[in-house]
Amino acid sequence: MKIKNWIKYEHDVYSASLADISFEQDSLVTQGGRARYEISIVSADAKSFLAEATAVVDFNGDGRYNVWSVDQTGDIVQKVPD
């Protein structure tokens, strides 16, 4: 099931709050956890949303941190490669 379907079917709304959709961020590796990406909602309204996953690890040591986005269409796009 695509992300867009899960969000809409599970909660019937898009929300700018991760808590509203019952998403709990795992602890980041920078805080002693395992998650390598921090998840955030960039925007959300009744018909659309944009979420991002931003790396907290510089995977190849080039000083850039990977960023991915996903929207209500379910399209996942790499915005910043690492």
N, C-alpha and C. Protein backbone atom coordinates (compact mmCIF):
# COMPACT_ATOMS: atom_id res chain seq x y z
N MET A 1 0.85 -1.17 0.00
CA MET A 1 0.00 0.00 0.00
C MET A 1 0.89 1.24 0.00
N LYS A 2 0.59 2.17 -0.88
CA LYS A 2 1.37 3.40 -0.93
C LYS A 2 1.14 4.26 0.30
N ILE A 3 2.10 5.11 0.59
CA ILE A 3 2.00 6.00 1.75
C ILE A 3 0.73 6.83 1.71
N LYS A 4 0.39 7.39 0.54
CA LYS A 4 -0.80 8.25 0.46
C LYS A 4 -2.05 7.51 0.90
N ASN A 5 -2.18 6.26 0.52
CA ASN A 5 -3.37 5.49 0.88
C ASN A 5 -3.41 5.22 2.38
N TRP A 6 -2.27 4.88 2.97
CA TRP A 6 -2.25 4.60 4.39
C TRP A 6 -2.67 5.83 5.18
N ILE A 7 -2.11 6.98 4.88
CA ILE A 7 -2.44 8.20 5.63
C ILE A 7 -3.93 8.50 5.49
N LYS A 8 -4.44 8.51 4.30
CA LYS A 8 -5.84 8.88 4.07
C LYS A 8 -6.80 7.83 4.64
N TYR A 9 -6.53 6.56 4.41
CA TYR A 9 -7.45 5.51 4.88
C TYR A 9 -7.42 5.34 6.38
N GLU A 10 -6.25 5.45 6.95
CA GLU A 10 -6.12 5.23 8.39
C GLU A 10 -6.69 6.38 9.21
N HIS A 11 -6.57 7.62 8.71
CA HIS A 11 -6.93 8.78 9.53
C HIS A 11 -7.96 9.71 8.90
N ASP A 12 -8.30 9.51 7.63
CA ASP A 12 -9.30 10.31 6.91
C ASP A 12 -8.93 11.77 6.72
N VAL A 13 -7.73 12.16 7.08
CA VAL A 13 -7.28 13.54 6.91
C VAL A 13 -5.77 13.55 6.65
N TYR A 14 -5.32 14.66 6.09
CA TYR A 14 -3.89 14.95 6.07
C TYR A 14 -3.67 15.96 7.18
N SER A 15 -2.54 15.90 7.83
CA SER A 15 -2.30 16.78 8.96
C SER A 15 -0.87 17.29 8.94
N ALA A 16 -0.69 18.49 9.44
CA ALA A 16 0.64 19.06 9.58
C ALA A 16 1.32 18.56 10.85
N SER A 17 0.63 17.75 11.62
CA SER A 17 1.16 17.24 12.88
C SER A 17 1.39 15.73 12.78
N LEU A 18 2.61 15.31 13.00
CA LEU A 18 2.90 13.88 12.98
C LEU A 18 2.14 13.15 14.09
N ALA A 19 1.95 13.81 15.22
CA ALA A 19 1.20 13.21 16.32
C ALA A 19 -0.25 12.94 15.93
N ASP A 20 -0.83 13.83 15.13
CA ASP A 20 -2.22 13.65 14.70
C ASP A 20 -2.42 12.40 13.87
N ILE A 21 -1.38 11.96 13.17
CA ILE A 21 -1.49 10.74 12.37
C ILE A 21 -0.81 9.55 13.07
N SER A 22 -0.55 9.73 14.35
CA SER A 22 0.02 8.67 15.21
C SER A 22 1.40 8.22 14.76
N PHE A 23 2.18 9.13 14.20
CA PHE A 23 3.55 8.81 13.81
C PHE A 23 4.49 9.21 14.93
N GLU A 24 5.31 8.28 15.35
CA GLU A 24 6.31 8.55 16.37
C GLU A 24 7.69 8.35 15.75
N GLN A 25 8.48 9.40 15.75
CA GLN A 25 9.84 9.33 15.22
C GLN A 25 10.68 8.43 16.10
N ASP A 26 11.37 7.46 15.49
CA ASP A 26 12.34 6.67 16.24
C ASP A 26 13.48 7.58 16.66
N SER A 27 14.18 7.23 17.69
CA SER A 27 15.33 8.01 18.13
C SER A 27 16.38 8.02 17.03
N LEU A 28 16.95 9.20 16.81
CA LEU A 28 17.95 9.37 15.77
C LEU A 28 19.29 8.82 16.22
N VAL A 29 20.13 8.42 15.26
CA VAL A 29 21.45 7.90 15.59
C VAL A 29 22.28 8.96 16.32
N THR A 30 22.00 10.22 16.06
CA THR A 30 22.71 11.30 16.74
C THR A 30 22.31 11.42 18.20
N GLN A 31 21.24 10.71 18.57
CA GLN A 31 20.75 10.71 19.95
C GLN A 31 20.84 9.32 20.57
N GLY A 32 21.65 8.47 19.97
CA GLY A 32 21.84 7.12 20.48
C GLY A 32 20.84 6.11 19.95
N GLY A 33 19.98 6.51 19.02
CA GLY A 33 18.98 5.61 18.45
C GLY A 33 19.46 4.96 17.16
N ARG A 34 18.50 4.48 16.37
CA ARG A 34 18.82 3.79 15.12
C ARG A 34 18.39 4.54 13.87
N ALA A 35 17.48 5.51 13.99
CA ALA A 35 16.93 6.20 12.82
C ALA A 35 17.98 7.11 12.19
N ARG A 36 18.11 7.01 10.89
CA ARG A 36 19.08 7.82 10.15
C ARG A 36 18.43 9.00 9.46
N TYR A 37 17.11 9.08 9.52
CA TYR A 37 16.36 10.17 8.90
C TYR A 37 15.40 10.78 9.89
N GLU A 38 15.29 12.09 9.86
CA GLU A 38 14.30 12.80 10.66
C GLU A 38 13.12 13.13 9.75
N ILE A 39 11.92 12.75 10.17
CA ILE A 39 10.71 12.92 9.38
C ILE A 39 10.01 14.21 9.80
N SER A 40 9.54 14.98 8.80
CA SER A 40 8.79 16.21 9.09
C SER A 40 7.69 16.40 8.06
N ILE A 41 6.63 17.09 8.46
CA ILE A 41 5.57 17.49 7.55
C ILE A 41 5.87 18.93 7.14
N VAL A 42 6.06 19.15 5.86
CA VAL A 42 6.34 20.48 5.35
C VAL A 42 5.05 21.28 5.23
N SER A 43 4.01 20.64 4.70
CA SER A 43 2.71 21.30 4.56
C SER A 43 1.61 20.24 4.47
N ALA A 44 0.41 20.65 4.86
CA ALA A 44 -0.74 19.74 4.77
C ALA A 44 -2.01 20.56 4.82
N ASP A 45 -3.00 20.14 4.03
CA ASP A 45 -4.33 20.72 4.09
C ASP A 45 -5.33 19.60 3.82
N ALA A 46 -6.56 19.93 3.56
CA ALA A 46 -7.60 18.91 3.40
C ALA A 46 -7.36 17.98 2.22
N LYS A 47 -6.62 18.43 1.20
CA LYS A 47 -6.45 17.63 -0.02
C LYS A 47 -5.02 17.25 -0.35
N SER A 48 -4.05 17.75 0.38
CA SER A 48 -2.67 17.47 0.01
C SER A 48 -1.73 17.52 1.22
N PHE A 49 -0.56 16.94 1.03
CA PHE A 49 0.48 17.04 2.04
C PHE A 49 1.84 16.91 1.37
N LEU A 50 2.86 17.38 2.05
CA LEU A 50 4.24 17.21 1.63
C LEU A 50 5.04 16.89 2.89
N ALA A 51 5.69 15.74 2.89
CA ALA A 51 6.52 15.32 4.01
C ALA A 51 7.95 15.13 3.52
N GLU A 52 8.90 15.32 4.44
CA GLU A 52 10.30 15.12 4.09
C GLU A 52 10.99 14.22 5.10
N ALA A 53 11.98 13.51 4.60
CA ALA A 53 12.88 12.72 5.42
C ALA A 53 14.27 13.28 5.17
N THR A 54 14.87 13.82 6.21
CA THR A 54 16.19 14.44 6.10
C THR A 54 17.20 13.61 6.87
N ALA A 55 18.26 13.21 6.20
CA ALA A 55 19.30 12.40 6.82
C ALA A 55 19.98 13.17 7.94
N VAL A 56 20.33 12.45 8.99
CA VAL A 56 21.14 13.03 10.07
C VAL A 56 22.55 12.45 10.00
N VAL A 57 22.79 11.66 8.97
CA VAL A 57 24.09 11.04 8.73
C VAL A 57 24.56 11.46 7.34
N ASP A 58 25.81 11.89 7.24
CA ASP A 58 26.42 12.19 5.94
C ASP A 58 27.00 10.88 5.42
N PHE A 59 26.23 10.15 4.64
CA PHE A 59 26.56 8.78 4.26
C PHE A 59 27.91 8.65 3.55
N ASN A 60 28.23 9.62 2.69
CA ASN A 60 29.49 9.49 1.94
C ASN A 60 30.54 10.53 2.34
N GLY A 61 30.27 11.31 3.39
CA GLY A 61 31.26 12.24 3.91
C GLY A 61 31.52 13.47 3.06
N ASP A 62 30.56 13.82 2.18
CA ASP A 62 30.77 14.97 1.29
C ASP A 62 30.21 16.28 1.84
N GLY A 63 29.68 16.25 3.06
CA GLY A 63 29.13 17.45 3.67
C GLY A 63 27.68 17.73 3.32
N ARG A 64 27.07 16.88 2.49
CA ARG A 64 25.65 17.04 2.12
C ARG A 64 24.83 15.95 2.81
N TYR A 65 23.63 16.33 3.21
CA TYR A 65 22.74 15.39 3.88
C TYR A 65 21.54 15.11 2.98
N ASN A 66 21.30 13.84 2.74
CA ASN A 66 20.25 13.35 1.87
C ASN A 66 18.87 13.82 2.33
N VAL A 67 18.02 14.26 1.39
CA VAL A 67 16.64 14.66 1.70
C VAL A 67 15.71 14.01 0.67
N TRP A 68 14.67 13.37 1.16
CA TRP A 68 13.63 12.77 0.33
C TRP A 68 12.30 13.43 0.67
N SER A 69 11.40 13.48 -0.31
CA SER A 69 10.06 14.00 -0.05
C SER A 69 9.02 13.04 -0.61
N VAL A 70 7.82 13.13 -0.04
CA VAL A 70 6.67 12.37 -0.53
C VAL A 70 5.45 13.27 -0.39
N ASP A 71 4.54 13.16 -1.38
CA ASP A 71 3.32 13.96 -1.33
C ASP A 71 2.09 13.06 -1.43
N GLN A 72 0.93 13.68 -1.52
CA GLN A 72 -0.33 12.94 -1.52
C GLN A 72 -0.47 12.00 -2.72
N THR A 73 0.31 12.18 -3.77
CA THR A 73 0.24 11.27 -4.91
C THR A 73 1.00 9.99 -4.64
N GLY A 74 1.82 10.00 -3.58
CA GLY A 74 2.63 8.82 -3.25
C GLY A 74 3.98 8.85 -3.93
N ASP A 75 4.27 9.89 -4.70
CA ASP A 75 5.56 10.00 -5.38
C ASP A 75 6.65 10.33 -4.38
N ILE A 76 7.69 9.53 -4.39
CA ILE A 76 8.85 9.76 -3.52
C ILE A 76 9.97 10.32 -4.39
N VAL A 77 10.50 11.47 -3.97
CA VAL A 77 11.49 12.19 -4.77
C VAL A 77 12.73 12.47 -3.91
N GLN A 78 13.89 12.19 -4.47
CA GLN A 78 15.13 12.54 -3.79
C GLN A 78 15.43 14.00 -4.11
N LYS A 79 15.33 14.88 -3.12
CA LYS A 79 15.55 16.31 -3.33
C LYS A 79 17.02 16.69 -3.23
N VAL A 80 17.73 16.05 -2.32
CA VAL A 80 19.16 16.31 -2.15
C VAL A 80 19.86 14.96 -2.10
N PRO A 81 20.67 14.65 -3.12
CA PRO A 81 21.39 13.38 -3.08
C PRO A 81 22.59 13.45 -2.14
N ASP A 82 23.01 12.28 -1.65
CA ASP A 82 24.23 12.22 -0.84
C ASP A 82 25.11 11.15 -1.44
